[in-house]
Amino acid sequence: MKIITLCGSLKYQKQLMEIAENLAVDGWCVLTPVWSVSNRRVDAHTIENFKRAHLKRIDMSDAVFIANIDGYIGDSTREELEYAKSKGKHVMFYMNS
């Protein structure tokens, strides 16, 4: 089973979870971003930890899956894409219209 990291804007959390489910059904082991589901305050240190952890997920993956939802790819997702390319990871895209 191959490992894939899902990358995309967390403002599309519901759609990202649907994409993750579909990838899992297709036989991938899916690593997803972490988002806060509580009302806790997320400070700069925590955000940096989340970013480093997500890059580690990319390191562990065979591929990345970039979710381009409603034509939006934010700065963080662009950075993750460039990081994945620099590591020679296979890149796949999801686009909706």
C-alpha atoms as a PDB file:
ATOM      1  CA  MET A   1       0.000   0.000   0.000  1.00  0.00           C
ATOM      2  CA  LYS A   2       1.365   3.385  -0.994  1.00  0.00           C
ATOM      3  CA  ILE A   3       1.328   6.419   1.291  1.00  0.00           C
ATOM      4  CA  ILE A   4      -0.013   9.783   0.121  1.00  0.00           C
ATOM      5  CA  THR A   5      -0.153  13.137   1.887  1.00  0.00           C
ATOM      6  CA  LEU A   6      -3.168  15.315   1.275  1.00  0.00           C
ATOM      7  CA  CYS A   7      -2.399  19.034   0.910  1.00  0.00           C
ATOM      8  CA  GLY A   8      -4.895  21.850   0.604  1.00  0.00           C
ATOM      9  CA  SER A   9      -6.484  24.811   2.294  1.00  0.00           C
ATOM     10  CA  LEU A  10      -7.956  23.976   5.676  1.00  0.00           C
ATOM     11  CA  LYS A  11     -10.852  26.303   4.928  1.00  0.00           C
ATOM     12  CA  TYR A  12     -12.107  23.362   2.832  1.00  0.00           C
ATOM     13  CA  GLN A  13     -11.930  20.846   5.687  1.00  0.00           C
ATOM     14  CA  LYS A  14     -15.119  18.997   4.689  1.00  0.00           C
ATOM     15  CA  GLN A  15     -13.994  18.565   1.088  1.00  0.00           C
ATOM     16  CA  LEU A  16     -10.501  17.476   2.195  1.00  0.00           C
ATOM     17  CA  MET A  17     -11.996  14.742   4.365  1.00  0.00           C
ATOM     18  CA  GLU A  18     -14.125  13.550   1.443  1.00  0.00           C
ATOM     19  CA  ILE A  19     -11.023  13.446  -0.770  1.00  0.00           C
ATOM     20  CA  ALA A  20      -9.113  11.545   1.938  1.00  0.00           C
ATOM     21  CA  GLU A  21     -11.929   9.004   2.183  1.00  0.00           C
ATOM     22  CA  ASN A  22     -11.968   8.506  -1.600  1.00  0.00           C
ATOM     23  CA  LEU A  23      -8.191   8.033  -1.693  1.00  0.00           C
ATOM     24  CA  ALA A  24      -8.436   5.462   1.108  1.00  0.00           C
ATOM     25  CA  VAL A  25     -11.167   3.591  -0.766  1.00  0.00           C
ATOM     26  CA  ASP A  26      -8.820   3.552  -3.767  1.00  0.00           C
ATOM     27  CA  GLY A  27      -6.165   1.799  -1.661  1.00  0.00           C
ATOM     28  CA  TRP A  28      -3.950   4.656  -0.443  1.00  0.00           C
ATOM     29  CA  CYS A  29      -2.744   5.140   3.118  1.00  0.00           C
ATOM     30  CA  VAL A  30      -3.701   8.805   3.517  1.00  0.00           C
ATOM     31  CA  LEU A  31      -1.882  11.294   5.747  1.00  0.00           C
ATOM     32  CA  THR A  32      -3.894  14.465   6.320  1.00  0.00           C
ATOM     33  CA  PRO A  33      -3.184  17.920   7.674  1.00  0.00           C
ATOM     34  CA  VAL A  34      -4.053  18.654  11.294  1.00  0.00           C
ATOM     35  CA  TRP A  35      -6.662  21.249  12.038  1.00  0.00           C
ATOM     36  CA  SER A  36      -7.998  22.435  15.329  1.00  0.00           C
ATOM     37  CA  VAL A  37     -11.509  21.205  16.065  1.00  0.00           C
ATOM     38  CA  SER A  38     -11.613  22.707  19.538  1.00  0.00           C
ATOM     39  CA  ASN A  39     -11.992  26.320  20.505  1.00  0.00           C
ATOM     40  CA  ARG A  40      -8.398  26.503  21.713  1.00  0.00           C
ATOM     41  CA  ARG A  41      -6.279  29.364  20.579  1.00  0.00           C
ATOM     42  CA  VAL A  42      -3.663  28.330  18.040  1.00  0.00           C
ATOM     43  CA  ASP A  43      -0.548  30.428  18.518  1.00  0.00           C
ATOM     44  CA  ALA A  44       2.398  30.927  16.161  1.00  0.00           C
ATOM     45  CA  HIS A  45       4.428  28.170  17.864  1.00  0.00           C
ATOM     46  CA  THR A  46       1.612  25.654  17.382  1.00  0.00           C
ATOM     47  CA  ILE A  47       1.152  26.657  13.749  1.00  0.00           C
ATOM     48  CA  GLU A  48       4.886  26.163  13.167  1.00  0.00           C
ATOM     49  CA  ASN A  49       4.674  22.701  14.764  1.00  0.00           C
ATOM     50  CA  PHE A  50       1.740  21.837  12.478  1.00  0.00           C
ATOM     51  CA  LYS A  51       3.747  22.973   9.425  1.00  0.00           C
ATOM     52  CA  ARG A  52       6.844  20.959  10.397  1.00  0.00           C
ATOM     53  CA  ALA A  53       4.710  17.889  11.065  1.00  0.00           C
ATOM     54  CA  HIS A  54       3.062  18.236   7.656  1.00  0.00           C
ATOM     55  CA  LEU A  55       6.441  18.410   5.912  1.00  0.00           C
ATOM     56  CA  LYS A  56       7.411  15.242   7.794  1.00  0.00           C
ATOM     57  CA  ARG A  57       4.252  13.590   6.425  1.00  0.00           C
ATOM     58  CA  ILE A  58       5.414  14.541   2.927  1.00  0.00           C
ATOM     59  CA  ASP A  59       8.843  13.044   3.684  1.00  0.00           C
ATOM     60  CA  MET A  60       7.190   9.737   4.658  1.00  0.00           C
ATOM     61  CA  SER A  61       4.939   9.658   1.592  1.00  0.00           C
ATOM     62  CA  ASP A  62       5.289   8.157  -1.841  1.00  0.00           C
ATOM     63  CA  ALA A  63       3.175  10.985  -3.283  1.00  0.00           C
ATOM     64  CA  VAL A  64       1.288  14.160  -2.471  1.00  0.00           C
ATOM     65  CA  PHE A  65      -2.252  14.981  -3.490  1.00  0.00           C
ATOM     66  CA  ILE A  66      -2.831  18.707  -3.971  1.00  0.00           C
ATOM     67  CA  ALA A  67      -6.477  19.722  -3.549  1.00  0.00           C
ATOM     68  CA  ASN A  68      -7.263  22.749  -5.701  1.00  0.00           C
ATOM     69  CA  ILE A  69     -10.786  23.469  -4.507  1.00  0.00           C
ATOM     70  CA  ASP A  70     -12.664  26.335  -6.167  1.00  0.00           C
ATOM     71  CA  GLY A  71      -9.429  27.350  -7.908  1.00  0.00           C
ATOM     72  CA  TYR A  72      -7.715  28.123  -4.609  1.00  0.00           C
ATOM     73  CA  ILE A  73      -4.214  27.062  -3.647  1.00  0.00           C
ATOM     74  CA  GLY A  74      -2.882  29.115  -0.748  1.00  0.00           C
ATOM     75  CA  ASP A  75       0.678  30.015   0.134  1.00  0.00           C
ATOM     76  CA  SER A  76       1.117  27.075   2.537  1.00  0.00           C
ATOM     77  CA  THR A  77      -0.103  24.575  -0.052  1.00  0.00           C
ATOM     78  CA  ARG A  78       2.237  26.105  -2.662  1.00  0.00           C
ATOM     79  CA  GLU A  79       5.130  25.729  -0.217  1.00  0.00           C
ATOM     80  CA  GLU A  80       4.165  22.088   0.407  1.00  0.00           C
ATOM     81  CA  LEU A  81       3.985  21.471  -3.354  1.00  0.00           C
ATOM     82  CA  GLU A  82       7.448  22.951  -3.895  1.00  0.00           C
ATOM     83  CA  TYR A  83       8.814  20.969  -0.945  1.00  0.00           C
ATOM     84  CA  ALA A  84       7.363  17.733  -2.351  1.00  0.00           C
ATOM     85  CA  LYS A  85       8.853  18.452  -5.783  1.00  0.00           C
ATOM     86  CA  SER A  86      12.262  19.143  -4.205  1.00  0.00           C
ATOM     87  CA  LYS A  87      12.074  15.723  -2.549  1.00  0.00           C
ATOM     88  CA  GLY A  88      11.174  13.995  -5.809  1.00  0.00           C
ATOM     89  CA  LYS A  89       7.665  13.027  -4.694  1.00  0.00           C
ATOM     90  CA  HIS A  90       5.011  12.094  -7.204  1.00  0.00           C
ATOM     91  CA  VAL A  91       2.442  14.916  -7.357  1.00  0.00           C
ATOM     92  CA  MET A  92      -1.246  14.426  -8.084  1.00  0.00           C
ATOM     93  CA  PHE A  93      -3.890  17.157  -8.338  1.00  0.00           C
ATOM     94  CA  TYR A  94      -7.578  17.388  -7.605  1.00  0.00           C
ATOM     95  CA  MET A  95      -9.433  20.263  -9.227  1.00  0.00           C
ATOM     96  CA  ASN A  96     -13.088  21.078  -9.124  1.00  0.00           C
ATOM     97  CA  SER A  97     -14.859  23.800 -11.010  1.00  0.00           C
END
